[in-house]
Amino acid sequence: MASILAVDDSASMRQMVAFTLKGAGFDVKEAADGVAALAEAKRRKYDLVLSDVNMPNMNGIELVKELRQLPDYKFVPVLMLTTESAGDVKMQGKQAGATGWIVKPFNPEQLLSTIKRVLG
């Protein structure tokens, strides 16, 4: 099954996401911010990255920019899972290379169907 790196500074949100994804059979690794996620992405290639936008140390949009610089992550889907729904922030994410945008609170079925769609 596909491996997913779930990035969010909220421990409860990471737990909810991991619970949903693991329940669907995905291999999930969690990271608390963009810095930790980038370090983890350099250690191991993931099939998909799911990241919050607003985080300390390195936000989700900066993370997408950094990931897109890595040869292993040029084409890996990166979904933003965030409370941010403003058009300008979505545009920044798209310009950085984000694949898609899911607004919190998320519906588990919608999250899983979106992930399955982008993974092909």
N, C-alpha and C. Protein backbone atom coordinates (compact mmCIF):
# COMPACT_ATOMS: atom_id res chain seq x y z
N MET A 1 0.85 -1.19 0.00
CA MET A 1 0.00 0.00 0.00
C MET A 1 0.89 1.24 0.00
N ALA A 2 0.35 2.32 -0.44
CA ALA A 2 1.09 3.58 -0.57
C ALA A 2 1.52 4.13 0.78
N SER A 3 2.67 4.81 0.78
CA SER A 3 3.18 5.44 2.00
C SER A 3 2.89 6.94 1.93
N ILE A 4 2.42 7.47 3.07
CA ILE A 4 2.01 8.88 3.14
C ILE A 4 2.72 9.56 4.30
N LEU A 5 3.24 10.74 4.04
CA LEU A 5 3.84 11.58 5.08
C LEU A 5 2.79 12.63 5.45
N ALA A 6 2.30 12.58 6.70
CA ALA A 6 1.27 13.50 7.19
C ALA A 6 1.92 14.56 8.07
N VAL A 7 1.76 15.83 7.69
CA VAL A 7 2.45 16.93 8.36
C VAL A 7 1.45 17.92 8.93
N ASP A 8 1.48 18.11 10.26
CA ASP A 8 0.59 19.07 10.92
C ASP A 8 1.15 19.36 12.29
N ASP A 9 1.12 20.62 12.71
CA ASP A 9 1.64 20.96 14.03
C ASP A 9 0.67 20.57 15.15
N SER A 10 -0.57 20.24 14.81
CA SER A 10 -1.54 19.81 15.80
C SER A 10 -1.48 18.29 15.97
N ALA A 11 -1.09 17.84 17.17
CA ALA A 11 -0.98 16.40 17.43
C ALA A 11 -2.33 15.71 17.24
N SER A 12 -3.42 16.34 17.67
CA SER A 12 -4.74 15.71 17.53
C SER A 12 -5.12 15.58 16.06
N MET A 13 -4.79 16.58 15.24
CA MET A 13 -5.09 16.50 13.80
C MET A 13 -4.25 15.39 13.15
N ARG A 14 -2.96 15.31 13.51
CA ARG A 14 -2.12 14.23 12.97
C ARG A 14 -2.70 12.86 13.34
N GLN A 15 -3.16 12.73 14.57
CA GLN A 15 -3.74 11.45 15.01
C GLN A 15 -4.99 11.10 14.23
N MET A 16 -5.87 12.11 14.00
CA MET A 16 -7.10 11.86 13.23
C MET A 16 -6.78 11.46 11.79
N VAL A 17 -5.83 12.17 11.18
CA VAL A 17 -5.44 11.86 9.81
C VAL A 17 -4.82 10.47 9.74
N ALA A 18 -3.87 10.18 10.65
CA ALA A 18 -3.20 8.88 10.66
C ALA A 18 -4.21 7.75 10.88
N PHE A 19 -5.15 7.95 11.79
CA PHE A 19 -6.17 6.94 12.07
C PHE A 19 -6.99 6.65 10.81
N THR A 20 -7.41 7.70 10.13
CA THR A 20 -8.20 7.56 8.90
C THR A 20 -7.40 6.83 7.82
N LEU A 21 -6.14 7.26 7.62
CA LEU A 21 -5.32 6.67 6.55
C LEU A 21 -4.90 5.24 6.85
N LYS A 22 -4.50 4.99 8.10
CA LYS A 22 -4.10 3.62 8.48
C LYS A 22 -5.28 2.67 8.37
N GLY A 23 -6.47 3.17 8.73
CA GLY A 23 -7.68 2.36 8.63
C GLY A 23 -7.97 1.94 7.19
N ALA A 24 -7.50 2.74 6.24
CA ALA A 24 -7.69 2.44 4.81
C ALA A 24 -6.51 1.65 4.24
N GLY A 25 -5.56 1.29 5.11
CA GLY A 25 -4.45 0.45 4.68
C GLY A 25 -3.19 1.17 4.26
N PHE A 26 -3.14 2.48 4.45
CA PHE A 26 -1.94 3.23 4.07
C PHE A 26 -0.87 3.13 5.15
N ASP A 27 0.39 3.21 4.72
CA ASP A 27 1.54 3.28 5.62
C ASP A 27 1.74 4.77 5.90
N VAL A 28 1.63 5.20 7.17
CA VAL A 28 1.65 6.61 7.51
C VAL A 28 2.80 6.95 8.45
N LYS A 29 3.52 8.01 8.12
CA LYS A 29 4.54 8.59 9.00
C LYS A 29 4.10 10.01 9.28
N GLU A 30 4.25 10.45 10.53
CA GLU A 30 3.82 11.79 10.92
C GLU A 30 5.02 12.71 11.16
N ALA A 31 4.80 13.99 10.89
CA ALA A 31 5.80 15.02 11.18
C ALA A 31 5.07 16.24 11.73
N ALA A 32 5.71 16.95 12.70
CA ALA A 32 5.05 18.06 13.40
C ALA A 32 5.20 19.41 12.72
N ASP A 33 6.11 19.52 11.75
CA ASP A 33 6.27 20.78 11.02
C ASP A 33 7.04 20.52 9.73
N GLY A 34 7.19 21.58 8.94
CA GLY A 34 7.86 21.43 7.65
C GLY A 34 9.31 21.01 7.75
N VAL A 35 10.01 21.47 8.79
CA VAL A 35 11.41 21.11 8.96
C VAL A 35 11.55 19.60 9.19
N ALA A 36 10.73 19.07 10.10
CA ALA A 36 10.76 17.63 10.38
C ALA A 36 10.33 16.83 9.15
N ALA A 37 9.33 17.34 8.43
CA ALA A 37 8.84 16.65 7.24
C ALA A 37 9.90 16.59 6.14
N LEU A 38 10.59 17.70 5.94
CA LEU A 38 11.62 17.75 4.91
C LEU A 38 12.76 16.77 5.24
N ALA A 39 13.14 16.73 6.51
CA ALA A 39 14.19 15.78 6.94
C ALA A 39 13.73 14.35 6.69
N GLU A 40 12.49 14.06 7.01
CA GLU A 40 11.94 12.70 6.80
C GLU A 40 11.86 12.38 5.31
N ALA A 41 11.45 13.34 4.49
CA ALA A 41 11.35 13.13 3.04
C ALA A 41 12.72 12.85 2.42
N LYS A 42 13.77 13.41 3.02
CA LYS A 42 15.13 13.16 2.50
C LYS A 42 15.62 11.77 2.91
N ARG A 43 15.06 11.23 4.00
CA ARG A 43 15.43 9.89 4.46
C ARG A 43 14.76 8.79 3.66
N ARG A 44 13.53 9.06 3.24
CA ARG A 44 12.71 8.02 2.61
C ARG A 44 11.76 8.66 1.61
N LYS A 45 11.53 7.99 0.49
CA LYS A 45 10.59 8.51 -0.51
C LYS A 45 9.17 8.06 -0.16
N TYR A 46 8.27 9.03 -0.11
CA TYR A 46 6.85 8.75 0.14
C TYR A 46 6.08 8.87 -1.16
N ASP A 47 4.93 8.19 -1.21
CA ASP A 47 4.09 8.22 -2.41
C ASP A 47 3.22 9.47 -2.45
N LEU A 48 3.00 10.08 -1.26
CA LEU A 48 2.16 11.27 -1.18
C LEU A 48 2.51 12.03 0.10
N VAL A 49 2.45 13.35 0.04
CA VAL A 49 2.65 14.18 1.23
C VAL A 49 1.36 14.95 1.45
N LEU A 50 0.88 14.93 2.71
CA LEU A 50 -0.34 15.62 3.11
C LEU A 50 0.07 16.62 4.18
N SER A 51 -0.06 17.92 3.90
CA SER A 51 0.48 18.92 4.81
C SER A 51 -0.48 20.05 5.14
N ASP A 52 -0.40 20.50 6.39
CA ASP A 52 -1.08 21.71 6.82
C ASP A 52 -0.33 22.89 6.19
N VAL A 53 -0.94 24.07 6.18
CA VAL A 53 -0.26 25.27 5.69
C VAL A 53 0.37 26.03 6.85
N ASN A 54 -0.42 26.35 7.87
CA ASN A 54 0.06 27.18 8.98
C ASN A 54 0.74 26.33 10.06
N MET A 55 2.08 26.36 10.05
CA MET A 55 2.87 25.61 11.02
C MET A 55 4.10 26.44 11.41
N PRO A 56 4.64 26.21 12.62
CA PRO A 56 5.87 26.91 13.01
C PRO A 56 7.08 26.33 12.25
N ASN A 57 8.18 27.03 12.31
CA ASN A 57 9.48 26.62 11.74
C ASN A 57 9.53 26.64 10.21
N MET A 58 8.61 25.94 9.56
CA MET A 58 8.50 25.97 8.10
C MET A 58 7.05 25.67 7.76
N ASN A 59 6.37 26.60 7.10
CA ASN A 59 4.96 26.36 6.79
C ASN A 59 4.81 25.40 5.60
N GLY A 60 3.57 25.04 5.32
CA GLY A 60 3.30 24.06 4.28
C GLY A 60 3.69 24.50 2.88
N ILE A 61 3.52 25.78 2.59
CA ILE A 61 3.87 26.27 1.25
C ILE A 61 5.39 26.26 1.07
N GLU A 62 6.13 26.66 2.11
CA GLU A 62 7.60 26.57 2.05
C GLU A 62 8.03 25.11 1.89
N LEU A 63 7.32 24.20 2.59
CA LEU A 63 7.63 22.77 2.48
C LEU A 63 7.45 22.28 1.04
N VAL A 64 6.36 22.67 0.41
CA VAL A 64 6.11 22.25 -0.98
C VAL A 64 7.26 22.73 -1.87
N LYS A 65 7.66 23.99 -1.71
CA LYS A 65 8.77 24.54 -2.52
C LYS A 65 10.04 23.73 -2.32
N GLU A 66 10.34 23.39 -1.06
CA GLU A 66 11.55 22.61 -0.75
C GLU A 66 11.45 21.20 -1.33
N LEU A 67 10.29 20.57 -1.19
CA LEU A 67 10.12 19.21 -1.72
C LEU A 67 10.30 19.18 -3.23
N ARG A 68 9.77 20.19 -3.91
CA ARG A 68 9.85 20.22 -5.38
C ARG A 68 11.29 20.40 -5.88
N GLN A 69 12.19 20.80 -4.99
CA GLN A 69 13.61 20.91 -5.35
C GLN A 69 14.32 19.55 -5.30
N LEU A 70 13.71 18.58 -4.61
CA LEU A 70 14.32 17.25 -4.47
C LEU A 70 13.94 16.37 -5.66
N PRO A 71 14.92 15.72 -6.30
CA PRO A 71 14.62 14.88 -7.47
C PRO A 71 13.52 13.85 -7.21
N ASP A 72 13.51 13.24 -6.02
CA ASP A 72 12.50 12.22 -5.69
C ASP A 72 11.09 12.79 -5.54
N TYR A 73 10.97 14.09 -5.38
CA TYR A 73 9.66 14.69 -5.10
C TYR A 73 9.15 15.65 -6.17
N LYS A 74 9.79 15.64 -7.33
CA LYS A 74 9.34 16.52 -8.41
C LYS A 74 7.89 16.23 -8.82
N PHE A 75 7.51 14.95 -8.80
CA PHE A 75 6.18 14.55 -9.29
C PHE A 75 5.32 13.86 -8.23
N VAL A 76 5.77 13.82 -6.99
CA VAL A 76 4.99 13.20 -5.92
C VAL A 76 3.83 14.13 -5.56
N PRO A 77 2.60 13.59 -5.48
CA PRO A 77 1.47 14.45 -5.11
C PRO A 77 1.64 15.05 -3.71
N VAL A 78 1.36 16.35 -3.60
CA VAL A 78 1.39 17.03 -2.30
C VAL A 78 0.02 17.70 -2.13
N LEU A 79 -0.73 17.20 -1.15
CA LEU A 79 -2.04 17.75 -0.86
C LEU A 79 -1.96 18.63 0.37
N MET A 80 -2.60 19.78 0.33
CA MET A 80 -2.66 20.67 1.48
C MET A 80 -3.97 20.38 2.22
N LEU A 81 -3.87 20.11 3.52
CA LEU A 81 -5.03 19.88 4.38
C LEU A 81 -5.01 20.98 5.43
N THR A 82 -5.87 21.98 5.28
CA THR A 82 -5.70 23.20 6.05
C THR A 82 -7.02 23.92 6.31
N THR A 83 -7.02 24.82 7.26
CA THR A 83 -8.18 25.68 7.50
C THR A 83 -8.18 26.85 6.53
N GLU A 84 -7.06 27.07 5.84
CA GLU A 84 -6.94 28.18 4.88
C GLU A 84 -7.81 27.93 3.66
N SER A 85 -8.73 28.84 3.39
CA SER A 85 -9.55 28.68 2.19
C SER A 85 -9.50 29.91 1.29
N ALA A 86 -8.69 30.90 1.67
CA ALA A 86 -8.57 32.13 0.88
C ALA A 86 -7.93 31.83 -0.48
N GLY A 87 -8.47 32.47 -1.51
CA GLY A 87 -7.99 32.26 -2.87
C GLY A 87 -6.52 32.57 -3.06
N ASP A 88 -6.03 33.65 -2.41
CA ASP A 88 -4.62 34.02 -2.60
C ASP A 88 -3.69 32.98 -1.99
N VAL A 89 -4.08 32.39 -0.86
CA VAL A 89 -3.25 31.37 -0.23
C VAL A 89 -3.25 30.10 -1.08
N LYS A 90 -4.42 29.76 -1.62
CA LYS A 90 -4.50 28.59 -2.52
C LYS A 90 -3.61 28.81 -3.74
N MET A 91 -3.61 30.03 -4.26
CA MET A 91 -2.79 30.35 -5.43
C MET A 91 -1.30 30.20 -5.09
N GLN A 92 -0.91 30.66 -3.90
CA GLN A 92 0.49 30.49 -3.47
C GLN A 92 0.84 29.00 -3.42
N GLY A 93 -0.07 28.20 -2.91
CA GLY A 93 0.16 26.76 -2.84
C GLY A 93 0.30 26.15 -4.22
N LYS A 94 -0.57 26.54 -5.12
CA LYS A 94 -0.52 26.03 -6.49
C LYS A 94 0.78 26.44 -7.17
N GLN A 95 1.17 27.70 -7.00
CA GLN A 95 2.42 28.17 -7.59
C GLN A 95 3.64 27.45 -7.01
N ALA A 96 3.55 27.06 -5.73
CA ALA A 96 4.65 26.34 -5.09
C ALA A 96 4.74 24.91 -5.59
N GLY A 97 3.62 24.40 -6.13
CA GLY A 97 3.63 23.03 -6.66
C GLY A 97 2.68 22.08 -5.96
N ALA A 98 1.77 22.61 -5.12
CA ALA A 98 0.79 21.74 -4.46
C ALA A 98 -0.14 21.11 -5.49
N THR A 99 -0.48 19.86 -5.28
CA THR A 99 -1.32 19.11 -6.19
C THR A 99 -2.80 19.41 -5.97
N GLY A 100 -3.19 19.58 -4.69
CA GLY A 100 -4.59 19.79 -4.37
C GLY A 100 -4.75 20.44 -3.01
N TRP A 101 -6.01 20.77 -2.66
CA TRP A 101 -6.31 21.55 -1.47
C TRP A 101 -7.56 20.98 -0.82
N ILE A 102 -7.47 20.58 0.44
CA ILE A 102 -8.61 20.08 1.20
C ILE A 102 -8.76 20.97 2.43
N VAL A 103 -9.97 21.49 2.65
CA VAL A 103 -10.19 22.40 3.78
C VAL A 103 -10.67 21.61 5.01
N LYS A 104 -10.06 21.92 6.17
CA LYS A 104 -10.47 21.34 7.45
C LYS A 104 -11.72 22.06 7.93
N PRO A 105 -12.58 21.43 8.71
CA PRO A 105 -12.47 20.02 9.10
C PRO A 105 -12.73 19.11 7.90
N PHE A 106 -11.99 18.03 7.82
CA PHE A 106 -12.11 17.16 6.65
C PHE A 106 -13.11 16.04 6.88
N ASN A 107 -13.69 15.59 5.80
CA ASN A 107 -14.58 14.43 5.79
C ASN A 107 -13.68 13.23 5.45
N PRO A 108 -13.61 12.22 6.33
CA PRO A 108 -12.70 11.09 6.06
C PRO A 108 -12.89 10.44 4.68
N GLU A 109 -14.14 10.26 4.26
CA GLU A 109 -14.39 9.64 2.95
C GLU A 109 -13.87 10.53 1.82
N GLN A 110 -14.05 11.84 1.95
CA GLN A 110 -13.58 12.78 0.93
C GLN A 110 -12.05 12.75 0.89
N LEU A 111 -11.42 12.74 2.06
CA LEU A 111 -9.96 12.69 2.12
C LEU A 111 -9.44 11.44 1.42
N LEU A 112 -10.02 10.29 1.74
CA LEU A 112 -9.57 9.03 1.14
C LEU A 112 -9.83 8.99 -0.37
N SER A 113 -10.97 9.50 -0.80
CA SER A 113 -11.25 9.46 -2.25
C SER A 113 -10.31 10.40 -3.01
N THR A 114 -9.98 11.55 -2.41
CA THR A 114 -9.04 12.49 -3.03
C THR A 114 -7.65 11.85 -3.13
N ILE A 115 -7.21 11.23 -2.05
CA ILE A 115 -5.89 10.58 -2.04
C ILE A 115 -5.84 9.46 -3.08
N LYS A 116 -6.87 8.63 -3.11
CA LYS A 116 -6.88 7.54 -4.09
C LYS A 116 -6.89 8.06 -5.51
N ARG A 117 -7.58 9.20 -5.75
CA ARG A 117 -7.64 9.79 -7.09
C ARG A 117 -6.26 10.31 -7.51
N VAL A 118 -5.56 11.02 -6.62
CA VAL A 118 -4.27 11.56 -7.03
C VAL A 118 -3.17 10.50 -7.10
N LEU A 119 -3.35 9.41 -6.38
CA LEU A 119 -2.37 8.31 -6.47
C LEU A 119 -2.61 7.45 -7.72
N GLY A 120 -3.78 7.63 -8.33
CA GLY A 120 -4.09 6.86 -9.54
C GLY A 120 -4.57 5.50 -9.17
